[in-house]
């Protein structure tokens, strides 16, 4: 399963349990706490089973979890949280060059080898707001590499839905 650019360990139909899904998803830094019906945690997942996942600590409109298999993921209920700080995922898989980011009517050029500090300053200027960079792997020094890097941009002072930063 994948959520906000991070992948869980693989789950196996007929062997993995609902509790394994909880453990796998909560191991991602992009997810806080989730819950499933408590009576289902030891249930083995079989083909055709429905698994309802509730995000306990993430609020508001969330991206769907995606699967590399044949599973179908649907949103059962849209969350509401006008007081939740915005979080956006950023991924860069380049070993050279630059990109122009746009937010509203402002643009900013970012280079593949910009440090997190420089990138953060450029984004703060671009958005007109304080932002925080969250590194799920805790070792990013530049924003891009040929293997791809994913980190999160938090808007701690901007509540609710914030427009997307686009390339």
C-alpha atoms as a PDB file:
ATOM      1  CA  UNK A   1       0.000   0.000   0.000  1.00  0.00           C
ATOM      2  CA  UNK A   2       1.131   3.573  -0.657  1.00  0.00           C
ATOM      3  CA  UNK A   3       0.149   6.832   1.047  1.00  0.00           C
ATOM      4  CA  UNK A   4       1.669  10.250   0.356  1.00  0.00           C
ATOM      5  CA  UNK A   5       4.623   8.778  -1.518  1.00  0.00           C
ATOM      6  CA  UNK A   6       5.573   6.136   1.065  1.00  0.00           C
ATOM      7  CA  UNK A   7       5.094   2.370   0.722  1.00  0.00           C
ATOM      8  CA  UNK A   8       4.286  -0.220   3.352  1.00  0.00           C
ATOM      9  CA  UNK A   9       5.731  -3.696   3.482  1.00  0.00           C
ATOM     10  CA  UNK A  10       3.873  -6.104   1.181  1.00  0.00           C
ATOM     11  CA  UNK A  11       0.791  -7.888   2.474  1.00  0.00           C
ATOM     12  CA  UNK A  12      -0.200 -11.366   1.360  1.00  0.00           C
ATOM     13  CA  UNK A  13      -3.824 -12.399   0.831  1.00  0.00           C
ATOM     14  CA  UNK A  14      -4.627 -15.470   2.904  1.00  0.00           C
ATOM     15  CA  UNK A  15      -1.736 -14.868   5.325  1.00  0.00           C
ATOM     16  CA  UNK A  16      -1.667 -11.211   6.425  1.00  0.00           C
ATOM     17  CA  UNK A  17      -4.136  -9.955   9.023  1.00  0.00           C
ATOM     18  CA  UNK A  18      -5.950  -6.658   9.465  1.00  0.00           C
ATOM     19  CA  UNK A  19      -3.550  -6.029  12.366  1.00  0.00           C
ATOM     20  CA  UNK A  20      -0.655  -6.362   9.910  1.00  0.00           C
ATOM     21  CA  UNK A  21      -2.233  -3.591   7.808  1.00  0.00           C
ATOM     22  CA  UNK A  22      -2.517  -1.341  10.859  1.00  0.00           C
ATOM     23  CA  UNK A  23       1.126  -2.002  11.798  1.00  0.00           C
ATOM     24  CA  UNK A  24       2.316  -1.464   8.216  1.00  0.00           C
ATOM     25  CA  UNK A  25       0.444   1.796   7.711  1.00  0.00           C
ATOM     26  CA  UNK A  26       1.336   3.217  11.128  1.00  0.00           C
ATOM     27  CA  UNK A  27       5.031   2.504  10.392  1.00  0.00           C
ATOM     28  CA  UNK A  28       4.861   5.191   7.672  1.00  0.00           C
ATOM     29  CA  UNK A  29       5.842   8.677   8.791  1.00  0.00           C
ATOM     30  CA  UNK A  30       3.075  10.044   6.562  1.00  0.00           C
ATOM     31  CA  UNK A  31       0.389   8.494   8.795  1.00  0.00           C
ATOM     32  CA  UNK A  32      -0.179   8.992  12.502  1.00  0.00           C
ATOM     33  CA  UNK A  33      -2.699   6.595  13.980  1.00  0.00           C
ATOM     34  CA  UNK A  34      -5.356   4.565  12.199  1.00  0.00           C
ATOM     35  CA  UNK A  35      -7.946   2.131  13.425  1.00  0.00           C
ATOM     36  CA  UNK A  36      -9.994  -0.751  12.147  1.00  0.00           C
ATOM     37  CA  UNK A  37     -12.918  -2.378  13.935  1.00  0.00           C
ATOM     38  CA  UNK A  38     -11.263  -3.963  16.993  1.00  0.00           C
ATOM     39  CA  UNK A  39     -12.815  -7.374  16.335  1.00  0.00           C
ATOM     40  CA  UNK A  40     -11.105  -7.553  12.930  1.00  0.00           C
ATOM     41  CA  UNK A  41      -7.435  -7.120  13.919  1.00  0.00           C
ATOM     42  CA  UNK A  42      -6.677 -10.849  14.026  1.00  0.00           C
ATOM     43  CA  UNK A  43      -8.791 -11.589  10.930  1.00  0.00           C
ATOM     44  CA  UNK A  44      -6.806 -12.982   7.991  1.00  0.00           C
ATOM     45  CA  UNK A  45      -7.387 -10.977   4.803  1.00  0.00           C
ATOM     46  CA  UNK A  46      -8.948 -13.029   2.020  1.00  0.00           C
ATOM     47  CA  UNK A  47      -9.727 -12.151  -1.579  1.00  0.00           C
ATOM     48  CA  UNK A  48     -12.862  -9.998  -1.771  1.00  0.00           C
ATOM     49  CA  UNK A  49     -12.711  -8.793   1.850  1.00  0.00           C
ATOM     50  CA  UNK A  50     -13.599  -5.204   2.689  1.00  0.00           C
ATOM     51  CA  UNK A  51     -11.222  -3.491   5.118  1.00  0.00           C
ATOM     52  CA  UNK A  52     -12.419  -0.184   6.581  1.00  0.00           C
ATOM     53  CA  UNK A  53      -9.536   2.046   7.686  1.00  0.00           C
ATOM     54  CA  UNK A  54     -10.202   5.124   9.782  1.00  0.00           C
ATOM     55  CA  UNK A  55      -7.569   7.854  10.007  1.00  0.00           C
ATOM     56  CA  UNK A  56      -7.587   8.960  13.635  1.00  0.00           C
ATOM     57  CA  UNK A  57      -4.919  11.668  13.645  1.00  0.00           C
ATOM     58  CA  UNK A  58      -5.129  12.965  10.038  1.00  0.00           C
ATOM     59  CA  UNK A  59      -8.047  15.272   9.449  1.00  0.00           C
ATOM     60  CA  UNK A  60      -9.795  16.811   6.486  1.00  0.00           C
ATOM     61  CA  UNK A  61      -9.664  15.751   2.870  1.00  0.00           C
ATOM     62  CA  UNK A  62      -6.939  13.111   2.473  1.00  0.00           C
ATOM     63  CA  UNK A  63      -5.448  11.444  -0.566  1.00  0.00           C
ATOM     64  CA  UNK A  64      -6.537   7.865  -1.122  1.00  0.00           C
ATOM     65  CA  UNK A  65      -4.297   4.993  -0.128  1.00  0.00           C
ATOM     66  CA  UNK A  66      -3.217   3.262  -3.331  1.00  0.00           C
ATOM     67  CA  UNK A  67      -2.315  -0.346  -3.973  1.00  0.00           C
ATOM     68  CA  UNK A  68       0.089  -1.978  -6.393  1.00  0.00           C
ATOM     69  CA  UNK A  69      -2.263  -4.965  -6.590  1.00  0.00           C
ATOM     70  CA  UNK A  70      -5.803  -5.440  -7.834  1.00  0.00           C
ATOM     71  CA  UNK A  71      -7.452  -3.963  -4.743  1.00  0.00           C
ATOM     72  CA  UNK A  72     -10.024  -1.208  -5.086  1.00  0.00           C
ATOM     73  CA  UNK A  73      -9.678   1.732  -2.695  1.00  0.00           C
ATOM     74  CA  UNK A  74     -12.655   4.019  -2.136  1.00  0.00           C
ATOM     75  CA  UNK A  75     -13.323   6.914   0.210  1.00  0.00           C
ATOM     76  CA  UNK A  76     -16.254   6.149   2.491  1.00  0.00           C
ATOM     77  CA  UNK A  77     -16.403   9.465   4.306  1.00  0.00           C
ATOM     78  CA  UNK A  78     -14.811  12.830   3.621  1.00  0.00           C
ATOM     79  CA  UNK A  79     -13.208  14.341   6.699  1.00  0.00           C
ATOM     80  CA  UNK A  80     -13.625  17.941   7.787  1.00  0.00           C
ATOM     81  CA  UNK A  81     -10.985  19.958   9.563  1.00  0.00           C
ATOM     82  CA  UNK A  82     -10.902  23.680   8.876  1.00  0.00           C
ATOM     83  CA  UNK A  83      -8.310  24.046  11.650  1.00  0.00           C
ATOM     84  CA  UNK A  84      -5.870  21.382  10.386  1.00  0.00           C
ATOM     85  CA  UNK A  85      -2.520  22.648   9.096  1.00  0.00           C
ATOM     86  CA  UNK A  86      -1.970  21.768   5.435  1.00  0.00           C
ATOM     87  CA  UNK A  87       0.591  19.099   4.410  1.00  0.00           C
ATOM     88  CA  UNK A  88       1.776  18.540   0.834  1.00  0.00           C
ATOM     89  CA  UNK A  89       4.140  15.851  -0.467  1.00  0.00           C
ATOM     90  CA  UNK A  90       7.105  16.795  -2.680  1.00  0.00           C
ATOM     91  CA  UNK A  91       9.076  14.276  -4.743  1.00  0.00           C
ATOM     92  CA  UNK A  92      12.142  14.973  -6.875  1.00  0.00           C
ATOM     93  CA  UNK A  93      14.053  12.384  -8.917  1.00  0.00           C
ATOM     94  CA  UNK A  94      16.621  14.451 -10.788  1.00  0.00           C
ATOM     95  CA  UNK A  95      20.401  14.668 -10.829  1.00  0.00           C
ATOM     96  CA  UNK A  96      20.636  17.978 -12.651  1.00  0.00           C
ATOM     97  CA  UNK A  97      18.719  21.033 -13.776  1.00  0.00           C
ATOM     98  CA  UNK A  98      16.025  23.175 -12.197  1.00  0.00           C
ATOM     99  CA  UNK A  99      12.258  23.549 -12.014  1.00  0.00           C
ATOM    100  CA  UNK A 100       9.987  26.528 -11.688  1.00  0.00           C
ATOM    101  CA  UNK A 101       7.432  26.230  -8.912  1.00  0.00           C
ATOM    102  CA  UNK A 102       4.213  28.220  -8.970  1.00  0.00           C
ATOM    103  CA  UNK A 103       1.912  29.185  -6.115  1.00  0.00           C
ATOM    104  CA  UNK A 104      -0.916  31.552  -6.945  1.00  0.00           C
ATOM    105  CA  UNK A 105       0.632  34.238  -9.141  1.00  0.00           C
ATOM    106  CA  UNK A 106       4.199  33.861  -7.829  1.00  0.00           C
ATOM    107  CA  UNK A 107       6.989  31.679  -9.214  1.00  0.00           C
ATOM    108  CA  UNK A 108      10.310  30.518  -7.849  1.00  0.00           C
ATOM    109  CA  UNK A 109      13.162  28.636  -9.476  1.00  0.00           C
ATOM    110  CA  UNK A 110      14.503  25.661  -7.505  1.00  0.00           C
ATOM    111  CA  UNK A 111      17.701  23.853  -8.419  1.00  0.00           C
ATOM    112  CA  UNK A 112      18.145  20.097  -8.103  1.00  0.00           C
ATOM    113  CA  UNK A 113      20.940  20.611  -5.573  1.00  0.00           C
ATOM    114  CA  UNK A 114      19.227  23.239  -3.404  1.00  0.00           C
ATOM    115  CA  UNK A 115      19.670  22.442   0.271  1.00  0.00           C
ATOM    116  CA  UNK A 116      16.592  21.948   2.419  1.00  0.00           C
ATOM    117  CA  UNK A 117      17.289  25.316   4.048  1.00  0.00           C
ATOM    118  CA  UNK A 118      17.460  27.143   0.689  1.00  0.00           C
ATOM    119  CA  UNK A 119      14.378  25.277  -0.602  1.00  0.00           C
ATOM    120  CA  UNK A 120      12.471  26.144   2.576  1.00  0.00           C
ATOM    121  CA  UNK A 121      13.333  29.849   2.180  1.00  0.00           C
ATOM    122  CA  UNK A 122      12.226  29.825  -1.462  1.00  0.00           C
ATOM    123  CA  UNK A 123       8.921  28.153  -0.551  1.00  0.00           C
ATOM    124  CA  UNK A 124       8.267  30.604   2.285  1.00  0.00           C
ATOM    125  CA  UNK A 125       8.788  33.475  -0.160  1.00  0.00           C
ATOM    126  CA  UNK A 126       6.640  31.745  -2.792  1.00  0.00           C
ATOM    127  CA  UNK A 127       3.717  31.026  -0.467  1.00  0.00           C
ATOM    128  CA  UNK A 128       4.045  34.140   1.681  1.00  0.00           C
ATOM    129  CA  UNK A 129       3.807  31.887   4.736  1.00  0.00           C
ATOM    130  CA  UNK A 130       6.018  30.023   7.161  1.00  0.00           C
ATOM    131  CA  UNK A 131       6.564  26.425   6.060  1.00  0.00           C
ATOM    132  CA  UNK A 132       8.277  23.453   7.646  1.00  0.00           C
ATOM    133  CA  UNK A 133      10.037  20.639   5.784  1.00  0.00           C
ATOM    134  CA  UNK A 134       9.437  17.168   7.242  1.00  0.00           C
ATOM    135  CA  UNK A 135      11.891  14.483   6.143  1.00  0.00           C
ATOM    136  CA  UNK A 136      10.440  11.005   6.731  1.00  0.00           C
ATOM    137  CA  UNK A 137      13.888   9.418   6.337  1.00  0.00           C
ATOM    138  CA  UNK A 138      15.678  12.089   8.382  1.00  0.00           C
ATOM    139  CA  UNK A 139      18.729  12.352   6.116  1.00  0.00           C
ATOM    140  CA  UNK A 140      17.855  14.622   3.194  1.00  0.00           C
ATOM    141  CA  UNK A 141      20.474  17.292   2.536  1.00  0.00           C
ATOM    142  CA  UNK A 142      19.476  18.369  -0.997  1.00  0.00           C
ATOM    143  CA  UNK A 143      16.011  18.275  -2.489  1.00  0.00           C
ATOM    144  CA  UNK A 144      16.712  15.902  -5.408  1.00  0.00           C
ATOM    145  CA  UNK A 145      18.689  12.840  -6.375  1.00  0.00           C
ATOM    146  CA  UNK A 146      18.480  10.279  -9.165  1.00  0.00           C
ATOM    147  CA  UNK A 147      16.860   7.724  -6.817  1.00  0.00           C
ATOM    148  CA  UNK A 148      14.029  10.125  -5.935  1.00  0.00           C
ATOM    149  CA  UNK A 149      13.378  11.848  -2.647  1.00  0.00           C
ATOM    150  CA  UNK A 150      10.025  12.440  -1.004  1.00  0.00           C
ATOM    151  CA  UNK A 151       9.443  14.805   1.879  1.00  0.00           C
ATOM    152  CA  UNK A 152       6.555  16.844   3.200  1.00  0.00           C
ATOM    153  CA  UNK A 153       5.868  20.551   3.213  1.00  0.00           C
ATOM    154  CA  UNK A 154       3.825  21.626   6.232  1.00  0.00           C
ATOM    155  CA  UNK A 155       2.061  24.962   6.491  1.00  0.00           C
ATOM    156  CA  UNK A 156       1.814  25.373  10.297  1.00  0.00           C
ATOM    157  CA  UNK A 157       0.179  28.810  10.144  1.00  0.00           C
ATOM    158  CA  UNK A 158      -2.192  28.140   7.231  1.00  0.00           C
ATOM    159  CA  UNK A 159      -5.239  26.189   8.305  1.00  0.00           C
ATOM    160  CA  UNK A 160      -7.589  24.201   6.096  1.00  0.00           C
ATOM    161  CA  UNK A 161      -6.972  23.553   2.421  1.00  0.00           C
ATOM    162  CA  UNK A 162      -4.070  25.507   0.924  1.00  0.00           C
ATOM    163  CA  UNK A 163      -3.602  25.723  -2.854  1.00  0.00           C
ATOM    164  CA  UNK A 164      -1.135  23.253  -4.327  1.00  0.00           C
ATOM    165  CA  UNK A 165       2.399  24.215  -5.222  1.00  0.00           C
ATOM    166  CA  UNK A 166       2.801  23.228  -8.886  1.00  0.00           C
ATOM    167  CA  UNK A 167       5.817  22.571 -11.130  1.00  0.00           C
END
